[in-house]
């Protein structure tokens, strides 16, 4: 058995939540639109955009974000988002 040692924990590529927290932070720190990702179909891009707008994931739950699904001239389905303010208390 080989023991591996690292001064920091390697990034977990199997979980998308850490990526969403980084994207949410990027949206809060810029005035522009942030590219969230590319998707195979327009329907999946629209679903992701809806999840971001509605705060379905913990990374987006406490603040409001605008998110839009677009299809580029090359036929790539993308989701873009931006920070829209604090979410009203329920």
N, C-alpha and C. Protein backbone atom coordinates (compact mmCIF):
# COMPACT_ATOMS: atom_id res chain seq x y z
N UNK A 1 0.84 -1.16 0.00
CA UNK A 1 0.00 0.00 0.00
C UNK A 1 0.90 1.24 0.00
N UNK A 2 0.55 2.19 -0.83
CA UNK A 2 1.29 3.45 -0.89
C UNK A 2 0.48 4.54 -0.17
N UNK A 3 1.11 5.23 0.74
CA UNK A 3 0.46 6.30 1.49
C UNK A 3 0.75 7.62 0.79
N UNK A 4 -0.30 8.38 0.53
CA UNK A 4 -0.15 9.69 -0.10
C UNK A 4 -0.40 10.77 0.92
N UNK A 5 0.40 11.80 0.91
CA UNK A 5 0.28 12.91 1.85
C UNK A 5 0.21 14.20 1.06
N UNK A 6 -0.67 15.09 1.51
CA UNK A 6 -0.83 16.39 0.85
C UNK A 6 -1.06 17.46 1.91
N UNK A 7 -0.46 18.65 1.74
CA UNK A 7 -0.68 19.71 2.73
C UNK A 7 -2.10 20.26 2.71
N UNK A 8 -2.81 20.11 1.60
CA UNK A 8 -4.20 20.55 1.51
C UNK A 8 -5.03 19.42 0.94
N UNK A 9 -6.31 19.46 1.23
CA UNK A 9 -7.22 18.46 0.69
C UNK A 9 -7.42 18.72 -0.79
N UNK A 10 -7.24 17.72 -1.67
CA UNK A 10 -7.47 17.93 -3.09
C UNK A 10 -8.94 18.27 -3.36
N UNK A 11 -9.18 18.97 -4.44
CA UNK A 11 -10.55 19.35 -4.80
C UNK A 11 -11.35 18.11 -5.18
N UNK A 12 -12.58 18.04 -4.70
CA UNK A 12 -13.48 16.93 -4.99
C UNK A 12 -14.24 17.24 -6.27
N UNK A 13 -13.90 16.54 -7.34
CA UNK A 13 -14.56 16.78 -8.62
C UNK A 13 -15.87 16.01 -8.77
N UNK A 14 -16.17 15.17 -7.80
CA UNK A 14 -17.40 14.39 -7.85
C UNK A 14 -18.61 15.14 -7.32
N UNK A 15 -18.37 16.22 -6.58
CA UNK A 15 -19.47 17.00 -6.01
C UNK A 15 -19.52 18.35 -6.69
N UNK A 16 -20.69 18.73 -7.13
CA UNK A 16 -20.86 20.01 -7.81
C UNK A 16 -21.10 21.16 -6.84
N UNK A 17 -21.41 20.87 -5.58
CA UNK A 17 -21.78 21.94 -4.66
C UNK A 17 -20.64 22.93 -4.44
N UNK A 18 -19.40 22.45 -4.34
CA UNK A 18 -18.29 23.38 -4.11
C UNK A 18 -18.14 24.31 -5.30
N UNK A 19 -18.36 23.81 -6.50
CA UNK A 19 -18.31 24.66 -7.70
C UNK A 19 -19.41 25.72 -7.64
N UNK A 20 -20.58 25.34 -7.17
CA UNK A 20 -21.68 26.30 -7.08
C UNK A 20 -21.38 27.40 -6.07
N UNK A 21 -20.74 27.05 -4.96
CA UNK A 21 -20.37 28.08 -3.99
C UNK A 21 -19.37 29.06 -4.59
N UNK A 22 -18.41 28.55 -5.37
CA UNK A 22 -17.44 29.44 -6.03
C UNK A 22 -18.14 30.33 -7.05
N UNK A 23 -19.09 29.78 -7.80
CA UNK A 23 -19.82 30.57 -8.79
C UNK A 23 -20.69 31.63 -8.12
N UNK A 24 -21.36 31.26 -7.03
CA UNK A 24 -22.20 32.23 -6.31
C UNK A 24 -21.35 33.37 -5.78
N UNK A 25 -20.18 33.06 -5.25
CA UNK A 25 -19.27 34.10 -4.75
C UNK A 25 -18.79 34.98 -5.90
N UNK A 26 -18.50 34.39 -7.03
CA UNK A 26 -18.05 35.17 -8.19
C UNK A 26 -19.15 36.12 -8.66
N UNK A 27 -20.40 35.67 -8.63
CA UNK A 27 -21.52 36.52 -9.04
C UNK A 27 -21.70 37.70 -8.09
N UNK A 28 -21.49 37.46 -6.78
CA UNK A 28 -21.63 38.55 -5.81
C UNK A 28 -20.51 39.58 -5.93
N UNK A 29 -19.38 39.18 -6.45
CA UNK A 29 -18.22 40.06 -6.49
C UNK A 29 -18.00 40.74 -7.84
N UNK A 30 -18.96 40.63 -8.73
CA UNK A 30 -18.85 41.30 -10.02
C UNK A 30 -20.20 41.88 -10.41
N UNK A 31 -20.18 42.89 -11.24
CA UNK A 31 -21.43 43.49 -11.72
C UNK A 31 -21.95 42.81 -12.98
N UNK A 32 -21.12 41.97 -13.59
CA UNK A 32 -21.49 41.35 -14.85
C UNK A 32 -22.10 39.97 -14.69
N UNK A 33 -22.32 39.35 -15.81
CA UNK A 33 -22.86 38.00 -15.86
C UNK A 33 -21.71 37.00 -15.75
N UNK A 34 -21.94 35.90 -15.04
CA UNK A 34 -20.95 34.85 -14.84
C UNK A 34 -21.42 33.58 -15.56
N UNK A 35 -20.52 32.97 -16.32
CA UNK A 35 -20.83 31.73 -17.03
C UNK A 35 -20.91 30.59 -16.02
N UNK A 36 -22.07 29.96 -15.89
CA UNK A 36 -22.25 28.87 -14.94
C UNK A 36 -21.87 27.54 -15.56
N UNK A 37 -22.21 27.33 -16.82
CA UNK A 37 -21.82 26.07 -17.45
C UNK A 37 -22.44 25.86 -18.82
N UNK A 38 -21.93 24.83 -19.50
CA UNK A 38 -22.45 24.40 -20.80
C UNK A 38 -23.21 23.10 -20.59
N UNK A 39 -24.30 22.91 -21.33
CA UNK A 39 -25.14 21.74 -21.14
C UNK A 39 -25.51 21.13 -22.48
N UNK A 40 -25.85 19.83 -22.46
CA UNK A 40 -26.12 19.11 -23.70
C UNK A 40 -27.38 19.58 -24.41
N UNK A 41 -28.41 19.92 -23.62
CA UNK A 41 -29.69 20.31 -24.23
C UNK A 41 -30.16 21.65 -23.68
N UNK A 42 -31.02 22.30 -24.40
CA UNK A 42 -31.62 23.56 -23.96
C UNK A 42 -32.47 23.31 -22.71
N UNK A 43 -33.15 22.17 -22.68
CA UNK A 43 -34.00 21.85 -21.54
C UNK A 43 -33.18 21.72 -20.26
N UNK A 44 -32.02 21.07 -20.31
CA UNK A 44 -31.20 20.93 -19.10
C UNK A 44 -30.63 22.29 -18.69
N UNK A 45 -30.24 23.12 -19.65
CA UNK A 45 -29.75 24.47 -19.33
C UNK A 45 -30.86 25.29 -18.67
N UNK A 46 -32.07 25.20 -19.18
CA UNK A 46 -33.20 25.92 -18.60
C UNK A 46 -33.50 25.44 -17.19
N UNK A 47 -33.37 24.15 -16.95
CA UNK A 47 -33.61 23.58 -15.63
C UNK A 47 -32.57 24.09 -14.62
N UNK A 48 -31.31 24.15 -15.03
CA UNK A 48 -30.26 24.66 -14.15
C UNK A 48 -30.51 26.14 -13.85
N UNK A 49 -30.85 26.92 -14.86
CA UNK A 49 -31.11 28.35 -14.67
C UNK A 49 -32.28 28.55 -13.70
N UNK A 50 -33.30 27.75 -13.82
CA UNK A 50 -34.45 27.83 -12.92
C UNK A 50 -34.04 27.49 -11.49
N UNK A 51 -33.22 26.47 -11.32
CA UNK A 51 -32.74 26.09 -9.99
C UNK A 51 -31.94 27.20 -9.33
N UNK A 52 -31.13 27.90 -10.12
CA UNK A 52 -30.34 29.01 -9.58
C UNK A 52 -31.26 30.16 -9.17
N UNK A 53 -32.21 30.52 -10.05
CA UNK A 53 -33.13 31.62 -9.75
C UNK A 53 -33.97 31.34 -8.50
N UNK A 54 -34.39 30.10 -8.34
CA UNK A 54 -35.28 29.73 -7.24
C UNK A 54 -34.55 29.37 -5.96
N UNK A 55 -33.22 29.38 -5.97
CA UNK A 55 -32.44 29.06 -4.78
C UNK A 55 -32.57 27.62 -4.34
N UNK A 56 -32.69 26.70 -5.29
CA UNK A 56 -32.86 25.29 -4.96
C UNK A 56 -31.62 24.66 -4.33
N UNK A 57 -30.44 25.16 -4.65
CA UNK A 57 -29.20 24.63 -4.07
C UNK A 57 -28.77 25.53 -2.93
N UNK A 58 -28.17 24.96 -1.90
CA UNK A 58 -27.75 25.76 -0.75
C UNK A 58 -26.88 26.97 -1.12
N UNK A 59 -26.06 26.84 -2.13
CA UNK A 59 -25.17 27.95 -2.52
C UNK A 59 -25.96 29.18 -2.95
N UNK A 60 -27.17 29.00 -3.45
CA UNK A 60 -27.97 30.10 -3.98
C UNK A 60 -29.18 30.44 -3.10
N UNK A 61 -29.34 29.75 -1.99
CA UNK A 61 -30.58 29.86 -1.21
C UNK A 61 -30.74 31.19 -0.48
N UNK A 62 -29.67 31.80 0.01
CA UNK A 62 -29.79 32.98 0.86
C UNK A 62 -29.82 34.30 0.10
N UNK A 63 -29.54 34.28 -1.17
CA UNK A 63 -29.53 35.51 -1.96
C UNK A 63 -30.30 35.29 -3.26
N UNK A 64 -30.65 36.38 -3.91
CA UNK A 64 -31.37 36.28 -5.19
C UNK A 64 -30.36 36.37 -6.34
N UNK A 65 -30.55 35.52 -7.32
CA UNK A 65 -29.71 35.53 -8.51
C UNK A 65 -30.60 35.50 -9.74
N UNK A 66 -30.17 36.19 -10.77
CA UNK A 66 -30.81 36.07 -12.08
C UNK A 66 -30.01 35.02 -12.83
N UNK A 67 -30.68 34.19 -13.58
CA UNK A 67 -30.00 33.18 -14.39
C UNK A 67 -30.78 32.97 -15.67
N UNK A 68 -30.06 32.85 -16.76
CA UNK A 68 -30.68 32.68 -18.07
C UNK A 68 -30.00 31.56 -18.84
N UNK A 69 -30.79 30.78 -19.54
CA UNK A 69 -30.26 29.77 -20.46
C UNK A 69 -30.24 30.39 -21.84
N UNK A 70 -29.12 30.25 -22.53
CA UNK A 70 -29.00 30.76 -23.89
C UNK A 70 -28.44 29.67 -24.79
N UNK A 71 -28.65 29.82 -26.07
CA UNK A 71 -28.03 28.95 -27.05
C UNK A 71 -27.18 29.82 -27.95
N UNK A 72 -25.90 29.52 -28.02
CA UNK A 72 -24.98 30.33 -28.81
C UNK A 72 -25.18 30.07 -30.29
N UNK A 73 -24.54 30.88 -31.09
CA UNK A 73 -24.59 30.73 -32.54
C UNK A 73 -24.07 29.36 -32.97
N UNK A 74 -23.15 28.79 -32.19
CA UNK A 74 -22.58 27.48 -32.48
C UNK A 74 -23.44 26.33 -31.98
N UNK A 75 -24.56 26.63 -31.35
CA UNK A 75 -25.46 25.61 -30.85
C UNK A 75 -25.12 25.08 -29.46
N UNK A 76 -24.28 25.80 -28.72
CA UNK A 76 -23.93 25.41 -27.36
C UNK A 76 -24.96 26.00 -26.40
N UNK A 77 -25.50 25.17 -25.53
CA UNK A 77 -26.49 25.60 -24.55
C UNK A 77 -25.75 26.00 -23.28
N UNK A 78 -25.88 27.24 -22.88
CA UNK A 78 -25.15 27.77 -21.74
C UNK A 78 -26.10 28.38 -20.71
N UNK A 79 -25.60 28.45 -19.47
CA UNK A 79 -26.33 29.14 -18.41
C UNK A 79 -25.41 30.25 -17.88
N UNK A 80 -25.97 31.44 -17.77
CA UNK A 80 -25.28 32.62 -17.25
C UNK A 80 -26.09 33.16 -16.09
N UNK A 81 -25.41 33.68 -15.08
CA UNK A 81 -26.11 34.22 -13.93
C UNK A 81 -25.44 35.46 -13.38
N UNK A 82 -26.20 36.20 -12.58
CA UNK A 82 -25.65 37.37 -11.89
C UNK A 82 -26.41 37.61 -10.59
N UNK A 83 -25.75 38.28 -9.68
CA UNK A 83 -26.30 38.58 -8.36
C UNK A 83 -27.38 39.63 -8.49
N UNK A 84 -28.51 39.43 -7.77
CA UNK A 84 -29.62 40.38 -7.86
C UNK A 84 -30.01 40.94 -6.50
N UNK A 85 -29.31 40.60 -5.42
CA UNK A 85 -29.61 41.16 -4.11
C UNK A 85 -29.93 40.10 -3.07
N UNK A 86 -30.27 40.59 -1.90
CA UNK A 86 -30.59 39.68 -0.80
C UNK A 86 -32.00 39.12 -0.99
N UNK A 87 -32.18 37.89 -0.55
CA UNK A 87 -33.50 37.25 -0.62
C UNK A 87 -34.33 37.75 0.57
N UNK A 88 -35.58 38.08 0.31
CA UNK A 88 -36.46 38.56 1.39
C UNK A 88 -36.72 37.44 2.39
N UNK A 89 -36.80 37.79 3.65
CA UNK A 89 -37.09 36.81 4.70
C UNK A 89 -38.49 36.28 4.51
N UNK A 90 -38.66 35.00 4.78
CA UNK A 90 -39.98 34.39 4.60
C UNK A 90 -40.70 34.27 5.89
